[in-house]
Amino acid sequence: MGSYLWKWRHPTESLSKRVHCKDSLIALLLRQIEIETMKLEFHHINYVSEDVDRLHDFYTNVLGLEDIPIASFPRPKATDTSGYDGKIKFATDGSMQFHLATKDLTVAFKNGEVINPVERGHIAFRTDDIQALMALLDENGIPYSDYGTAFAKEWHQVFFHDPEGNVIEVHQAVD
């Protein structure tokens, strides 16, 4: 069975491309399977503050959430061009986590990114396929900042905005 040429345009490209239809249909079917099998689960809420200790005290001592030791979240050492060295504390109700971080308006600039996850805070989801997520964002023309493991040694993190401008994090655990 021969293939024929099919003209298509990727949402982020201005020029159309000609590709072999048979190959494209297979790629589209595989992409749909990939999207349908990519898992997303709600992971944490990040609040930012000028006084992380006061915020942590409120959630743990007033509302009775449990402290999560900082040792549970290994962080790479921040440099002048990468990472985040602000204070972070963690709390949980046993299933949902709060990540409480020092507000820092320079993080995106320092990391060469556009979206700043510690300017106003964010909500976070965990996925089992960060590459599929980035492909999905690309396909829908949604810009994102790929911080990789700049903030957390054990997570590959991607940040983007929802339609209302709220910051969303999606991360995948890495080995």
C-alpha atoms as a PDB file:
ATOM      1  CA  MET A   1       0.000   0.000   0.000  1.00  0.00           C
ATOM      2  CA  GLY A   2       1.480   3.302  -1.022  1.00  0.00           C
ATOM      3  CA  SER A   3       1.373   6.501   0.928  1.00  0.00           C
ATOM      4  CA  TYR A   4       0.317   9.904  -0.304  1.00  0.00           C
ATOM      5  CA  LEU A   5       1.346  13.389   0.684  1.00  0.00           C
ATOM      6  CA  TRP A   6      -0.710  15.268   3.218  1.00  0.00           C
ATOM      7  CA  LYS A   7      -0.319  18.981   3.925  1.00  0.00           C
ATOM      8  CA  TRP A   8      -0.492  20.007   7.574  1.00  0.00           C
ATOM      9  CA  ARG A   9       0.536  22.846   9.842  1.00  0.00           C
ATOM     10  CA  HIS A  10       1.745  22.489  13.395  1.00  0.00           C
ATOM     11  CA  PRO A  11       0.060  25.072  15.693  1.00  0.00           C
ATOM     12  CA  THR A  12       3.412  26.652  16.608  1.00  0.00           C
ATOM     13  CA  GLU A  13       4.708  26.860  13.041  1.00  0.00           C
ATOM     14  CA  SER A  14       3.830  29.400  10.406  1.00  0.00           C
ATOM     15  CA  LEU A  15       4.669  27.247   7.400  1.00  0.00           C
ATOM     16  CA  SER A  16       2.834  24.153   6.259  1.00  0.00           C
ATOM     17  CA  LYS A  17       4.785  20.939   5.826  1.00  0.00           C
ATOM     18  CA  ARG A  18       4.219  18.024   3.523  1.00  0.00           C
ATOM     19  CA  VAL A  19       4.505  14.654   5.163  1.00  0.00           C
ATOM     20  CA  HIS A  20       3.665  11.135   4.160  1.00  0.00           C
ATOM     21  CA  CYS A  21       0.077  10.485   5.193  1.00  0.00           C
ATOM     22  CA  LYS A  22       0.606   6.888   6.253  1.00  0.00           C
ATOM     23  CA  ASP A  23       3.400   7.972   8.616  1.00  0.00           C
ATOM     24  CA  SER A  24       1.356  10.943   9.868  1.00  0.00           C
ATOM     25  CA  LEU A  25      -1.715   8.884  10.635  1.00  0.00           C
ATOM     26  CA  ILE A  26       0.354   6.400  12.584  1.00  0.00           C
ATOM     27  CA  ALA A  27       2.061   9.249  14.453  1.00  0.00           C
ATOM     28  CA  LEU A  28      -1.315  10.846  15.228  1.00  0.00           C
ATOM     29  CA  LEU A  29      -2.738   7.571  16.500  1.00  0.00           C
ATOM     30  CA  LEU A  30       0.325   6.953  18.651  1.00  0.00           C
ATOM     31  CA  ARG A  31       0.118  10.529  19.965  1.00  0.00           C
ATOM     32  CA  GLN A  32      -3.553  10.056  20.914  1.00  0.00           C
ATOM     33  CA  ILE A  33      -2.708   6.835  22.761  1.00  0.00           C
ATOM     34  CA  GLU A  34       0.130   8.662  24.531  1.00  0.00           C
ATOM     35  CA  ILE A  35      -2.211  11.482  25.650  1.00  0.00           C
ATOM     36  CA  GLU A  36      -4.865   9.034  26.825  1.00  0.00           C
ATOM     37  CA  THR A  37      -2.361   7.058  28.898  1.00  0.00           C
ATOM     38  CA  MET A  38      -0.511  10.026  30.424  1.00  0.00           C
ATOM     39  CA  LYS A  39      -1.513  10.199  34.063  1.00  0.00           C
ATOM     40  CA  LEU A  40      -2.019  13.453  35.986  1.00  0.00           C
ATOM     41  CA  GLU A  41      -2.686  13.609  39.703  1.00  0.00           C
ATOM     42  CA  PHE A  42      -3.085  16.610  41.965  1.00  0.00           C
ATOM     43  CA  HIS A  43       0.095  16.935  44.053  1.00  0.00           C
ATOM     44  CA  HIS A  44       0.474  20.221  45.928  1.00  0.00           C
ATOM     45  CA  ILE A  45      -0.408  23.859  46.347  1.00  0.00           C
ATOM     46  CA  ASN A  46       2.435  26.357  46.523  1.00  0.00           C
ATOM     47  CA  TYR A  47       1.929  29.566  48.459  1.00  0.00           C
ATOM     48  CA  VAL A  48       4.559  32.289  48.515  1.00  0.00           C
ATOM     49  CA  SER A  49       5.248  34.650  51.365  1.00  0.00           C
ATOM     50  CA  GLU A  50       7.702  37.207  52.643  1.00  0.00           C
ATOM     51  CA  ASP A  51       7.579  35.273  55.957  1.00  0.00           C
ATOM     52  CA  VAL A  52       7.598  31.518  55.332  1.00  0.00           C
ATOM     53  CA  ASP A  53       7.995  30.697  59.048  1.00  0.00           C
ATOM     54  CA  ARG A  54       4.824  32.618  59.925  1.00  0.00           C
ATOM     55  CA  LEU A  55       2.899  30.907  57.125  1.00  0.00           C
ATOM     56  CA  HIS A  56       4.199  27.452  58.094  1.00  0.00           C
ATOM     57  CA  ASP A  57       3.329  28.125  61.735  1.00  0.00           C
ATOM     58  CA  PHE A  58      -0.243  28.975  60.717  1.00  0.00           C
ATOM     59  CA  TYR A  59      -0.742  25.748  58.742  1.00  0.00           C
ATOM     60  CA  THR A  60       0.954  23.461  61.267  1.00  0.00           C
ATOM     61  CA  ASN A  61       0.120  25.022  64.666  1.00  0.00           C
ATOM     62  CA  VAL A  62      -3.231  26.683  63.979  1.00  0.00           C
ATOM     63  CA  LEU A  63      -4.761  24.332  61.409  1.00  0.00           C
ATOM     64  CA  GLY A  64      -2.936  21.248  62.676  1.00  0.00           C
ATOM     65  CA  LEU A  65      -1.295  20.052  59.473  1.00  0.00           C
ATOM     66  CA  GLU A  66       1.844  17.928  59.784  1.00  0.00           C
ATOM     67  CA  ASP A  67       5.279  19.336  59.007  1.00  0.00           C
ATOM     68  CA  ILE A  68       7.153  17.548  56.221  1.00  0.00           C
ATOM     69  CA  PRO A  69      10.906  17.711  56.924  1.00  0.00           C
ATOM     70  CA  ILE A  70      12.929  19.680  54.371  1.00  0.00           C
ATOM     71  CA  ALA A  71      15.201  16.627  54.033  1.00  0.00           C
ATOM     72  CA  SER A  72      12.331  14.938  52.156  1.00  0.00           C
ATOM     73  CA  PHE A  73      12.891  17.364  49.268  1.00  0.00           C
ATOM     74  CA  PRO A  74      16.528  17.412  48.096  1.00  0.00           C
ATOM     75  CA  ARG A  75      17.326  20.619  46.214  1.00  0.00           C
ATOM     76  CA  PRO A  76      20.227  21.364  43.900  1.00  0.00           C
ATOM     77  CA  LYS A  77      22.526  24.169  44.972  1.00  0.00           C
ATOM     78  CA  ALA A  78      21.391  27.448  43.441  1.00  0.00           C
ATOM     79  CA  THR A  79      23.865  29.428  41.358  1.00  0.00           C
ATOM     80  CA  ASP A  80      23.803  32.911  39.850  1.00  0.00           C
ATOM     81  CA  THR A  81      22.100  31.505  36.738  1.00  0.00           C
ATOM     82  CA  SER A  82      20.103  28.518  37.954  1.00  0.00           C
ATOM     83  CA  GLY A  83      17.901  27.280  40.746  1.00  0.00           C
ATOM     84  CA  TYR A  84      16.172  28.875  43.709  1.00  0.00           C
ATOM     85  CA  ASP A  85      17.704  29.416  47.134  1.00  0.00           C
ATOM     86  CA  GLY A  86      14.690  30.869  48.931  1.00  0.00           C
ATOM     87  CA  LYS A  87      13.405  29.324  52.133  1.00  0.00           C
ATOM     88  CA  ILE A  88      10.881  26.512  51.643  1.00  0.00           C
ATOM     89  CA  LYS A  89       8.815  24.661  54.235  1.00  0.00           C
ATOM     90  CA  PHE A  90       6.290  21.907  53.732  1.00  0.00           C
ATOM     91  CA  ALA A  91       3.065  20.793  55.412  1.00  0.00           C
ATOM     92  CA  THR A  92       0.480  18.090  54.709  1.00  0.00           C
ATOM     93  CA  ASP A  93      -2.891  16.782  55.816  1.00  0.00           C
ATOM     94  CA  GLY A  94      -1.675  13.284  54.940  1.00  0.00           C
ATOM     95  CA  SER A  95      -2.657  13.361  51.289  1.00  0.00           C
ATOM     96  CA  MET A  96      -2.351  16.944  50.014  1.00  0.00           C
ATOM     97  CA  GLN A  97       0.860  18.934  50.367  1.00  0.00           C
ATOM     98  CA  PHE A  98       1.480  22.637  50.889  1.00  0.00           C
ATOM     99  CA  HIS A  99       4.808  23.977  49.637  1.00  0.00           C
ATOM    100  CA  LEU A 100       5.456  27.311  51.322  1.00  0.00           C
ATOM    101  CA  ALA A 101       8.196  29.344  49.659  1.00  0.00           C
ATOM    102  CA  THR A 102       9.811  32.740  49.907  1.00  0.00           C
ATOM    103  CA  LYS A 103       8.464  35.062  47.236  1.00  0.00           C
ATOM    104  CA  ASP A 104      11.178  35.851  44.674  1.00  0.00           C
ATOM    105  CA  LEU A 105      10.453  38.028  41.659  1.00  0.00           C
ATOM    106  CA  THR A 106      13.828  37.272  40.021  1.00  0.00           C
ATOM    107  CA  VAL A 107      13.608  33.482  39.635  1.00  0.00           C
ATOM    108  CA  ALA A 108      12.438  33.418  36.003  1.00  0.00           C
ATOM    109  CA  PHE A 109      15.103  35.932  34.918  1.00  0.00           C
ATOM    110  CA  LYS A 110      17.826  34.074  36.805  1.00  0.00           C
ATOM    111  CA  ASN A 111      16.881  30.766  35.154  1.00  0.00           C
ATOM    112  CA  GLY A 112      16.398  32.189  31.651  1.00  0.00           C
ATOM    113  CA  GLU A 113      12.675  31.375  31.722  1.00  0.00           C
ATOM    114  CA  VAL A 114       9.459  33.345  31.325  1.00  0.00           C
ATOM    115  CA  ILE A 115       7.142  31.915  33.974  1.00  0.00           C
ATOM    116  CA  ASN A 116       7.983  32.552  37.623  1.00  0.00           C
ATOM    117  CA  PRO A 117       6.524  29.876  39.934  1.00  0.00           C
ATOM    118  CA  VAL A 118       7.376  31.771  43.142  1.00  0.00           C
ATOM    119  CA  GLU A 119       5.944  35.149  42.206  1.00  0.00           C
ATOM    120  CA  ARG A 120       2.309  34.364  43.107  1.00  0.00           C
ATOM    121  CA  GLY A 121       2.405  30.639  43.867  1.00  0.00           C
ATOM    122  CA  HIS A 122       0.929  27.801  41.851  1.00  0.00           C
ATOM    123  CA  ILE A 123      -0.893  24.488  41.908  1.00  0.00           C
ATOM    124  CA  ALA A 124       0.937  21.332  40.932  1.00  0.00           C
ATOM    125  CA  PHE A 125       0.186  18.021  39.317  1.00  0.00           C
ATOM    126  CA  ARG A 126       2.407  14.945  39.004  1.00  0.00           C
ATOM    127  CA  THR A 127       2.600  13.036  35.729  1.00  0.00           C
ATOM    128  CA  ASP A 128       4.239   9.832  34.630  1.00  0.00           C
ATOM    129  CA  ASP A 129       5.179  11.294  31.222  1.00  0.00           C
ATOM    130  CA  ILE A 130       6.554  14.845  31.194  1.00  0.00           C
ATOM    131  CA  GLN A 131       7.525  14.546  27.511  1.00  0.00           C
ATOM    132  CA  ALA A 132       3.924  13.751  26.556  1.00  0.00           C
ATOM    133  CA  LEU A 133       2.781  16.748  28.598  1.00  0.00           C
ATOM    134  CA  MET A 134       5.192  19.087  26.799  1.00  0.00           C
ATOM    135  CA  ALA A 135       4.067  17.685  23.439  1.00  0.00           C
ATOM    136  CA  LEU A 136       0.449  18.303  24.459  1.00  0.00           C
ATOM    137  CA  LEU A 137       1.263  21.906  25.425  1.00  0.00           C
ATOM    138  CA  ASP A 138       3.111  22.401  22.118  1.00  0.00           C
ATOM    139  CA  GLU A 139       0.189  20.968  20.148  1.00  0.00           C
ATOM    140  CA  ASN A 140      -2.177  23.398  21.847  1.00  0.00           C
ATOM    141  CA  GLY A 141       0.117  26.406  21.432  1.00  0.00           C
ATOM    142  CA  ILE A 142       0.579  26.825  25.182  1.00  0.00           C
ATOM    143  CA  PRO A 143       3.955  28.349  26.067  1.00  0.00           C
ATOM    144  CA  TYR A 144       5.746  26.879  29.060  1.00  0.00           C
ATOM    145  CA  SER A 145       8.931  27.141  31.072  1.00  0.00           C
ATOM    146  CA  ASP A 146      10.863  23.895  31.355  1.00  0.00           C
ATOM    147  CA  TYR A 147      12.921  24.213  34.545  1.00  0.00           C
ATOM    148  CA  GLY A 148      14.033  20.573  34.446  1.00  0.00           C
ATOM    149  CA  THR A 149      15.576  19.745  37.833  1.00  0.00           C
ATOM    150  CA  ALA A 150      16.709  23.313  38.669  1.00  0.00           C
ATOM    151  CA  PHE A 151      14.488  23.467  41.777  1.00  0.00           C
ATOM    152  CA  ALA A 152      14.188  19.845  42.883  1.00  0.00           C
ATOM    153  CA  LYS A 153      16.769  17.112  42.325  1.00  0.00           C
ATOM    154  CA  GLU A 154      14.116  14.420  42.048  1.00  0.00           C
ATOM    155  CA  TRP A 155      11.530  16.191  39.857  1.00  0.00           C
ATOM    156  CA  HIS A 156      11.513  17.440  36.269  1.00  0.00           C
ATOM    157  CA  GLN A 157       9.277  20.532  36.490  1.00  0.00           C
ATOM    158  CA  VAL A 158       7.383  22.398  33.778  1.00  0.00           C
ATOM    159  CA  PHE A 159       5.344  25.552  34.461  1.00  0.00           C
ATOM    160  CA  PHE A 160       2.662  27.191  32.314  1.00  0.00           C
ATOM    161  CA  HIS A 161      -0.436  29.381  32.646  1.00  0.00           C
ATOM    162  CA  ASP A 162      -4.062  28.312  32.523  1.00  0.00           C
ATOM    163  CA  PRO A 163      -6.455  30.526  30.482  1.00  0.00           C
ATOM    164  CA  GLU A 164      -6.880  32.900  33.472  1.00  0.00           C
ATOM    165  CA  GLY A 165      -3.142  33.361  34.038  1.00  0.00           C
ATOM    166  CA  ASN A 166      -2.806  31.057  37.052  1.00  0.00           C
ATOM    167  CA  VAL A 167       0.538  29.264  37.195  1.00  0.00           C
ATOM    168  CA  ILE A 168       0.369  25.483  36.845  1.00  0.00           C
ATOM    169  CA  GLU A 169       3.237  23.116  37.573  1.00  0.00           C
ATOM    170  CA  VAL A 170       3.434  19.606  36.219  1.00  0.00           C
ATOM    171  CA  HIS A 171       6.356  17.467  37.320  1.00  0.00           C
ATOM    172  CA  GLN A 172       7.618  13.952  36.877  1.00  0.00           C
ATOM    173  CA  ALA A 173       9.738  12.085  39.390  1.00  0.00           C
ATOM    174  CA  VAL A 174      13.210  11.367  38.001  1.00  0.00           C
ATOM    175  CA  ASP A 175      15.793   8.809  39.068  1.00  0.00           C
END
